[in-house]
Structures are given as structure tokens and as C-alpha cells.
Amino acid sequence: MLTLRESEVGKTYKVKKIHGEGPLKRRVMDMGITKNAEVFIRKVAPLGDPVQISLRGYELTLRKEDSSLVEIEPID
């Protein structure tokens, strides 16, 4: 399973699934990260926290714990 936390900078991915329960999962979905959304990885901080992504025409920064909930697959 590949998550946003392990993603590579400069690549585009498709969201497969969002793990977790309750308010944390709801918050991630409210930010626009939903199944089949395309996500471009802009930057990852030197220690891996946070991750900056482009999604649905805007920029978003996620903490490690939030990015580890999002399962992705590479788009060829």
C-alpha cells in the first residue's frame, strides 16, 4: 500500500482509498481528497512533514498523520 506520505515529488497519483474513521477522515475528505481525485506532489519538507500537493486547482499542505491516511496509486 502506497500513501501520500511515501509519495515522490513531481509525480501525479490517483487516490484509491482514505483510511481512518470519524472526524479525521471527514476532515481529509472535506479538503477535497476523495476517491479517484488526482493529486500532484509539489514538495515534501526535509523531515517528511508537511507534504504540499496540488489538487482540484488549488494547493494544499498536509501533516504526516493526515497524509498517511490517503492510499494512492501512480498515474502512468
PDB file of N, CA and C in Angstrom:
ATOM      1  N   MET A   1       0.836  -1.179   0.000  1.00  0.00           N
ATOM      2  CA  MET A   1       0.000   0.000   0.000  1.00  0.00           C
ATOM      3  C   MET A   1       0.884   1.246   0.000  1.00  0.00           C
ATOM      4  N   LEU A   2       0.666   2.122  -0.947  1.00  0.00           N
ATOM      5  CA  LEU A   2       1.405   3.378  -1.066  1.00  0.00           C
ATOM      6  C   LEU A   2       0.513   4.508  -0.564  1.00  0.00           C
ATOM      7  N   THR A   3       1.061   5.368   0.290  1.00  0.00           N
ATOM      8  CA  THR A   3       0.297   6.503   0.799  1.00  0.00           C
ATOM      9  C   THR A   3       0.957   7.804   0.369  1.00  0.00           C
ATOM     10  N   LEU A   4       0.256   8.909   0.566  1.00  0.00           N
ATOM     11  CA  LEU A   4       0.830  10.220   0.240  1.00  0.00           C
ATOM     12  C   LEU A   4       2.117  10.461   1.016  1.00  0.00           C
ATOM     13  N   ARG A   5       2.226   9.876   2.174  1.00  0.00           N
ATOM     14  CA  ARG A   5       3.425  10.049   2.998  1.00  0.00           C
ATOM     15  C   ARG A   5       4.666   9.498   2.303  1.00  0.00           C
ATOM     16  N   GLU A   6       4.513   8.432   1.507  1.00  0.00           N
ATOM     17  CA  GLU A   6       5.660   7.818   0.813  1.00  0.00           C
ATOM     18  C   GLU A   6       5.791   8.257  -0.643  1.00  0.00           C
ATOM     19  N   SER A   7       5.007   9.224  -1.061  1.00  0.00           N
ATOM     20  CA  SER A   7       4.993   9.637  -2.467  1.00  0.00           C
ATOM     21  C   SER A   7       6.271  10.370  -2.862  1.00  0.00           C
ATOM     22  N   GLU A   8       6.479  10.453  -4.192  1.00  0.00           N
ATOM     23  CA  GLU A   8       7.659  11.130  -4.732  1.00  0.00           C
ATOM     24  C   GLU A   8       7.281  12.501  -5.275  1.00  0.00           C
ATOM     25  N   VAL A   9       8.146  13.463  -5.046  1.00  0.00           N
ATOM     26  CA  VAL A   9       7.927  14.828  -5.522  1.00  0.00           C
ATOM     27  C   VAL A   9       7.929  14.848  -7.053  1.00  0.00           C
ATOM     28  N   GLY A  10       6.996  15.609  -7.622  1.00  0.00           N
ATOM     29  CA  GLY A  10       6.938  15.771  -9.064  1.00  0.00           C
ATOM     30  C   GLY A  10       6.096  14.729  -9.776  1.00  0.00           C
ATOM     31  N   LYS A  11       5.461  13.841  -9.047  1.00  0.00           N
ATOM     32  CA  LYS A  11       4.641  12.801  -9.666  1.00  0.00           C
ATOM     33  C   LYS A  11       3.162  13.032  -9.364  1.00  0.00           C
ATOM     34  N   THR A  12       2.332  12.479 -10.239  1.00  0.00           N
ATOM     35  CA  THR A  12       0.886  12.570 -10.075  1.00  0.00           C
ATOM     36  C   THR A  12       0.343  11.206  -9.673  1.00  0.00           C
ATOM     37  N   TYR A  13      -0.584  11.219  -8.739  1.00  0.00           N
ATOM     38  CA  TYR A  13      -1.177   9.994  -8.224  1.00  0.00           C
ATOM     39  C   TYR A  13      -2.694  10.108  -8.236  1.00  0.00           C
ATOM     40  N   LYS A  14      -3.341   8.959  -8.169  1.00  0.00           N
ATOM     41  CA  LYS A  14      -4.801   8.897  -8.055  1.00  0.00           C
ATOM     42  C   LYS A  14      -5.131   8.331  -6.677  1.00  0.00           C
ATOM     43  N   VAL A  15      -6.068   8.948  -6.000  1.00  0.00           N
ATOM     44  CA  VAL A  15      -6.485   8.490  -4.667  1.00  0.00           C
ATOM     45  C   VAL A  15      -7.309   7.223  -4.827  1.00  0.00           C
ATOM     46  N   LYS A  16      -6.881   6.160  -4.132  1.00  0.00           N
ATOM     47  CA  LYS A  16      -7.613   4.893  -4.170  1.00  0.00           C
ATOM     48  C   LYS A  16      -8.578   4.765  -2.997  1.00  0.00           C
ATOM     49  N   LYS A  17      -8.108   5.159  -1.811  1.00  0.00           N
ATOM     50  CA  LYS A  17      -8.915   4.958  -0.612  1.00  0.00           C
ATOM     51  C   LYS A  17      -8.433   5.889   0.488  1.00  0.00           C
ATOM     52  N   ILE A  18      -9.343   6.253   1.368  1.00  0.00           N
ATOM     53  CA  ILE A  18      -8.980   7.041   2.543  1.00  0.00           C
ATOM     54  C   ILE A  18      -9.254   6.179   3.767  1.00  0.00           C
ATOM     55  N   HIS A  19      -8.203   5.921   4.525  1.00  0.00           N
ATOM     56  CA  HIS A  19      -8.316   5.087   5.720  1.00  0.00           C
ATOM     57  C   HIS A  19      -8.650   5.951   6.927  1.00  0.00           C
ATOM     58  N   GLY A  20      -8.957   5.311   8.024  1.00  0.00           N
ATOM     59  CA  GLY A  20      -9.261   6.046   9.245  1.00  0.00           C
ATOM     60  C   GLY A  20     -10.756   6.111   9.484  1.00  0.00           C
ATOM     61  N   GLU A  21     -11.108   6.752  10.583  1.00  0.00           N
ATOM     62  CA  GLU A  21     -12.509   6.850  10.964  1.00  0.00           C
ATOM     63  C   GLU A  21     -12.801   8.230  11.537  1.00  0.00           C
ATOM     64  N   GLY A  22     -14.071   8.538  11.574  1.00  0.00           N
ATOM     65  CA  GLY A  22     -14.540   9.717  12.285  1.00  0.00           C
ATOM     66  C   GLY A  22     -14.080  11.038  11.747  1.00  0.00           C
ATOM     67  N   PRO A  23     -13.822  11.979  12.655  1.00  0.00           N
ATOM     68  CA  PRO A  23     -13.534  13.365  12.267  1.00  0.00           C
ATOM     69  C   PRO A  23     -12.273  13.524  11.424  1.00  0.00           C
ATOM     70  N   LEU A  24     -11.259  12.716  11.665  1.00  0.00           N
ATOM     71  CA  LEU A  24     -10.019  12.840  10.900  1.00  0.00           C
ATOM     72  C   LEU A  24     -10.255  12.497   9.431  1.00  0.00           C
ATOM     73  N   LYS A  25     -10.950  11.397   9.178  1.00  0.00           N
ATOM     74  CA  LYS A  25     -11.273  11.008   7.802  1.00  0.00           C
ATOM     75  C   LYS A  25     -12.175  12.062   7.153  1.00  0.00           C
ATOM     76  N   ARG A  26     -13.137  12.552   7.885  1.00  0.00           N
ATOM     77  CA  ARG A  26     -14.058  13.568   7.369  1.00  0.00           C
ATOM     78  C   ARG A  26     -13.312  14.848   6.999  1.00  0.00           C
ATOM     79  N   ARG A  27     -12.328  15.241   7.833  1.00  0.00           N
ATOM     80  CA  ARG A  27     -11.557  16.449   7.564  1.00  0.00           C
ATOM     81  C   ARG A  27     -10.758  16.308   6.271  1.00  0.00           C
ATOM     82  N   VAL A  28     -10.134  15.150   6.072  1.00  0.00           N
ATOM     83  CA  VAL A  28      -9.371  14.908   4.847  1.00  0.00           C
ATOM     84  C   VAL A  28     -10.299  14.987   3.626  1.00  0.00           C
ATOM     85  N   MET A  29     -11.469  14.398   3.732  1.00  0.00           N
ATOM     86  CA  MET A  29     -12.424  14.438   2.617  1.00  0.00           C
ATOM     87  C   MET A  29     -12.951  15.853   2.382  1.00  0.00           C
ATOM     88  N   ASP A  30     -13.152  16.616   3.443  1.00  0.00           N
ATOM     89  CA  ASP A  30     -13.610  17.997   3.304  1.00  0.00           C
ATOM     90  C   ASP A  30     -12.592  18.879   2.593  1.00  0.00           C
ATOM     91  N   MET A  31     -11.323  18.496   2.657  1.00  0.00           N
ATOM     92  CA  MET A  31     -10.271  19.247   1.962  1.00  0.00           C
ATOM     93  C   MET A  31     -10.250  18.941   0.467  1.00  0.00           C
ATOM     94  N   GLY A  32     -11.099  18.018   0.019  1.00  0.00           N
ATOM     95  CA  GLY A  32     -11.173  17.702  -1.406  1.00  0.00           C
ATOM     96  C   GLY A  32     -10.461  16.427  -1.800  1.00  0.00           C
ATOM     97  N   ILE A  33      -9.878  15.742  -0.840  1.00  0.00           N
ATOM     98  CA  ILE A  33      -9.186  14.488  -1.131  1.00  0.00           C
ATOM     99  C   ILE A  33     -10.224  13.373  -1.059  1.00  0.00           C
ATOM    100  N   THR A  34     -10.699  12.971  -2.230  1.00  0.00           N
ATOM    101  CA  THR A  34     -11.716  11.937  -2.319  1.00  0.00           C
ATOM    102  C   THR A  34     -11.259  10.861  -3.298  1.00  0.00           C
ATOM    103  N   LYS A  35     -11.941   9.732  -3.296  1.00  0.00           N
ATOM    104  CA  LYS A  35     -11.589   8.625  -4.176  1.00  0.00           C
ATOM    105  C   LYS A  35     -11.569   9.100  -5.629  1.00  0.00           C
ATOM    106  N   ASN A  36     -10.551   8.652  -6.361  1.00  0.00           N
ATOM    107  CA  ASN A  36     -10.313   8.948  -7.786  1.00  0.00           C
ATOM    108  C   ASN A  36      -9.844  10.370  -8.069  1.00  0.00           C
ATOM    109  N   ALA A  37      -9.612  11.189  -7.060  1.00  0.00           N
ATOM    110  CA  ALA A  37      -9.063  12.531  -7.277  1.00  0.00           C
ATOM    111  C   ALA A  37      -7.588  12.415  -7.674  1.00  0.00           C
ATOM    112  N   GLU A  38      -7.148  13.274  -8.597  1.00  0.00           N
ATOM    113  CA  GLU A  38      -5.743  13.291  -8.993  1.00  0.00           C
ATOM    114  C   GLU A  38      -4.985  14.285  -8.121  1.00  0.00           C
ATOM    115  N   VAL A  39      -3.829  13.846  -7.645  1.00  0.00           N
ATOM    116  CA  VAL A  39      -3.023  14.631  -6.718  1.00  0.00           C
ATOM    117  C   VAL A  39      -1.605  14.740  -7.272  1.00  0.00           C
ATOM    118  N   PHE A  40      -1.103  15.973  -7.402  1.00  0.00           N
ATOM    119  CA  PHE A  40       0.286  16.200  -7.826  1.00  0.00           C
ATOM    120  C   PHE A  40       1.102  16.586  -6.602  1.00  0.00           C
ATOM    121  N   ILE A  41       2.234  15.903  -6.393  1.00  0.00           N
ATOM    122  CA  ILE A  41       3.083  16.161  -5.229  1.00  0.00           C
ATOM    123  C   ILE A  41       4.048  17.293  -5.566  1.00  0.00           C
ATOM    124  N   ARG A  42       3.876  18.446  -4.924  1.00  0.00           N
ATOM    125  CA  ARG A  42       4.723  19.616  -5.162  1.00  0.00           C
ATOM    126  C   ARG A  42       6.019  19.554  -4.362  1.00  0.00           C
ATOM    127  N   LYS A  43       5.888  19.406  -3.055  1.00  0.00           N
ATOM    128  CA  LYS A  43       7.060  19.442  -2.164  1.00  0.00           C
ATOM    129  C   LYS A  43       6.837  18.523  -0.973  1.00  0.00           C
ATOM    130  N   VAL A  44       7.942  18.054  -0.428  1.00  0.00           N
ATOM    131  CA  VAL A  44       7.915  17.352   0.854  1.00  0.00           C
ATOM    132  C   VAL A  44       9.010  17.992   1.700  1.00  0.00           C
ATOM    133  N   ALA A  45       8.663  18.394   2.897  1.00  0.00           N
ATOM    134  CA  ALA A  45       9.645  19.021   3.789  1.00  0.00           C
ATOM    135  C   ALA A  45      10.780  18.031   4.077  1.00  0.00           C
ATOM    136  N   PRO A  46      11.965  18.526   4.438  1.00  0.00           N
ATOM    137  CA  PRO A  46      13.120  17.668   4.661  1.00  0.00           C
ATOM    138  C   PRO A  46      12.878  16.495   5.625  1.00  0.00           C
ATOM    139  N   LEU A  47      12.080  16.685   6.636  1.00  0.00           N
ATOM    140  CA  LEU A  47      11.818  15.590   7.574  1.00  0.00           C
ATOM    141  C   LEU A  47      10.501  14.870   7.255  1.00  0.00           C
ATOM    142  N   GLY A  48       9.930  15.158   6.090  1.00  0.00           N
ATOM    143  CA  GLY A  48       8.724  14.476   5.646  1.00  0.00           C
ATOM    144  C   GLY A  48       7.422  15.076   6.143  1.00  0.00           C
ATOM    145  N   ASP A  49       7.489  16.175   6.849  1.00  0.00           N
ATOM    146  CA  ASP A  49       6.277  16.788   7.390  1.00  0.00           C
ATOM    147  C   ASP A  49       6.375  18.295   7.236  1.00  0.00           C
ATOM    148  N   PRO A  50       5.535  18.948   6.516  1.00  0.00           N
ATOM    149  CA  PRO A  50       4.343  18.507   5.804  1.00  0.00           C
ATOM    150  C   PRO A  50       4.617  18.152   4.346  1.00  0.00           C
ATOM    151  N   VAL A  51       3.555  17.718   3.651  1.00  0.00           N
ATOM    152  CA  VAL A  51       3.584  17.408   2.223  1.00  0.00           C
ATOM    153  C   VAL A  51       2.699  18.440   1.528  1.00  0.00           C
ATOM    154  N   GLN A  52       3.238  19.085   0.489  1.00  0.00           N
ATOM    155  CA  GLN A  52       2.449  20.064  -0.260  1.00  0.00           C
ATOM    156  C   GLN A  52       1.985  19.421  -1.562  1.00  0.00           C
ATOM    157  N   ILE A  53       0.676  19.498  -1.844  1.00  0.00           N
ATOM    158  CA  ILE A  53       0.110  18.884  -3.033  1.00  0.00           C
ATOM    159  C   ILE A  53      -0.739  19.895  -3.799  1.00  0.00           C
ATOM    160  N   SER A  54      -0.950  19.596  -5.093  1.00  0.00           N
ATOM    161  CA  SER A  54      -1.905  20.332  -5.917  1.00  0.00           C
ATOM    162  C   SER A  54      -3.068  19.393  -6.159  1.00  0.00           C
ATOM    163  N   LEU A  55      -4.272  19.922  -5.963  1.00  0.00           N
ATOM    164  CA  LEU A  55      -5.469  19.100  -6.027  1.00  0.00           C
ATOM    165  C   LEU A  55      -6.639  19.964  -6.441  1.00  0.00           C
ATOM    166  N   ARG A  56      -7.348  19.575  -7.483  1.00  0.00           N
ATOM    167  CA  ARG A  56      -8.566  20.271  -7.922  1.00  0.00           C
ATOM    168  C   ARG A  56      -8.352  21.781  -8.134  1.00  0.00           C
ATOM    169  N   GLY A  57      -7.155  22.151  -8.605  1.00  0.00           N
ATOM    170  CA  GLY A  57      -6.881  23.548  -8.914  1.00  0.00           C
ATOM    171  C   GLY A  57      -6.399  24.398  -7.760  1.00  0.00           C
ATOM    172  N   TYR A  58      -6.067  23.807  -6.621  1.00  0.00           N
ATOM    173  CA  TYR A  58      -5.527  24.592  -5.509  1.00  0.00           C
ATOM    174  C   TYR A  58      -4.406  23.837  -4.801  1.00  0.00           C
ATOM    175  N   GLU A  59      -3.668  24.554  -3.995  1.00  0.00           N
ATOM    176  CA  GLU A  59      -2.546  23.997  -3.238  1.00  0.00           C
ATOM    177  C   GLU A  59      -3.023  23.621  -1.837  1.00  0.00           C
ATOM    178  N   LEU A  60      -2.500  22.528  -1.330  1.00  0.00           N
ATOM    179  CA  LEU A  60      -2.892  22.041  -0.012  1.00  0.00           C
ATOM    180  C   LEU A  60      -1.664  21.469   0.684  1.00  0.00           C
ATOM    181  N   THR A  61      -1.544  21.722   1.959  1.00  0.00           N
ATOM    182  CA  THR A  61      -0.446  21.181   2.748  1.00  0.00           C
ATOM    183  C   THR A  61      -1.023  20.256   3.812  1.00  0.00           C
ATOM    184  N   LEU A  62      -0.479  19.029   3.872  1.00  0.00           N
ATOM    185  CA  LEU A  62      -0.968  18.019   4.806  1.00  0.00           C
ATOM    186  C   LEU A  62       0.101  17.613   5.804  1.00  0.00           C
ATOM    187  N   ARG A  63      -0.312  17.367   7.023  1.00  0.00           N
ATOM    188  CA  ARG A  63       0.602  16.832   8.041  1.00  0.00           C
ATOM    189  C   ARG A  63       0.859  15.352   7.767  1.00  0.00           C
ATOM    190  N   LYS A  64       1.905  14.804   8.395  1.00  0.00           N
ATOM    191  CA  LYS A  64       2.251  13.397   8.243  1.00  0.00           C
ATOM    192  C   LYS A  64       1.083  12.484   8.559  1.00  0.00           C
ATOM    193  N   GLU A  65       0.421  12.746   9.678  1.00  0.00           N
ATOM    194  CA  GLU A  65      -0.662  11.859  10.096  1.00  0.00           C
ATOM    195  C   GLU A  65      -1.823  11.875   9.106  1.00  0.00           C
ATOM    196  N   ASP A  66      -2.113  13.029   8.519  1.00  0.00           N
ATOM    197  CA  ASP A  66      -3.188  13.103   7.531  1.00  0.00           C
ATOM    198  C   ASP A  66      -2.774  12.432   6.219  1.00  0.00           C
ATOM    199  N   SER A  67      -1.547  12.655   5.793  1.00  0.00           N
ATOM    200  CA  SER A  67      -1.089  12.088   4.522  1.00  0.00           C
ATOM    201  C   SER A  67      -0.943  10.572   4.591  1.00  0.00           C
ATOM    202  N   SER A  68      -0.744  10.024   5.767  1.00  0.00           N
ATOM    203  CA  SER A  68      -0.616   8.568   5.886  1.00  0.00           C
ATOM    204  C   SER A  68      -1.974   7.868   5.781  1.00  0.00           C
ATOM    205  N   LEU A  69      -3.079   8.609   5.839  1.00  0.00           N
ATOM    206  CA  LEU A  69      -4.416   8.028   5.703  1.00  0.00           C
ATOM    207  C   LEU A  69      -4.827   7.833   4.244  1.00  0.00           C
ATOM    208  N   VAL A  70      -4.138   8.501   3.322  1.00  0.00           N
ATOM    209  CA  VAL A  70      -4.566   8.536   1.932  1.00  0.00           C
ATOM    210  C   VAL A  70      -3.770   7.518   1.103  1.00  0.00           C
ATOM    211  N   GLU A  71      -4.462   6.463   0.679  1.00  0.00           N
ATOM    212  CA  GLU A  71      -3.842   5.429  -0.163  1.00  0.00           C
ATOM    213  C   GLU A  71      -3.929   5.894  -1.605  1.00  0.00           C
ATOM    214  N   ILE A  72      -2.804   5.777  -2.337  1.00  0.00           N
ATOM    215  CA  ILE A  72      -2.731   6.283  -3.710  1.00  0.00           C
ATOM    216  C   ILE A  72      -2.145   5.243  -4.640  1.00  0.00           C
ATOM    217  N   GLU A  73      -2.299   5.498  -5.951  1.00  0.00           N
ATOM    218  CA  GLU A  73      -1.632   4.692  -6.963  1.00  0.00           C
ATOM    219  C   GLU A  73      -1.081   5.643  -8.010  1.00  0.00           C
ATOM    220  N   PRO A  74       0.102   5.330  -8.575  1.00  0.00           N
ATOM    221  CA  PRO A  74       0.694   6.217  -9.580  1.00  0.00           C
ATOM    222  C   PRO A  74      -0.131   6.241 -10.863  1.00  0.00           C
ATOM    223  N   ILE A  75      -0.115   7.384 -11.523  1.00  0.00           N
ATOM    224  CA  ILE A  75      -0.738   7.509 -12.839  1.00  0.00           C
ATOM    225  C   ILE A  75       0.401   7.448 -13.850  1.00  0.00           C
ATOM    226  N   ASP A  76       0.301   6.531 -14.772  1.00  0.00           N
ATOM    227  CA  ASP A  76       1.382   6.348 -15.755  1.00  0.00           C
ATOM    228  C   ASP A  76       1.358   7.386 -16.832  1.00  0.00           C
TER     229      ASP A  76
END
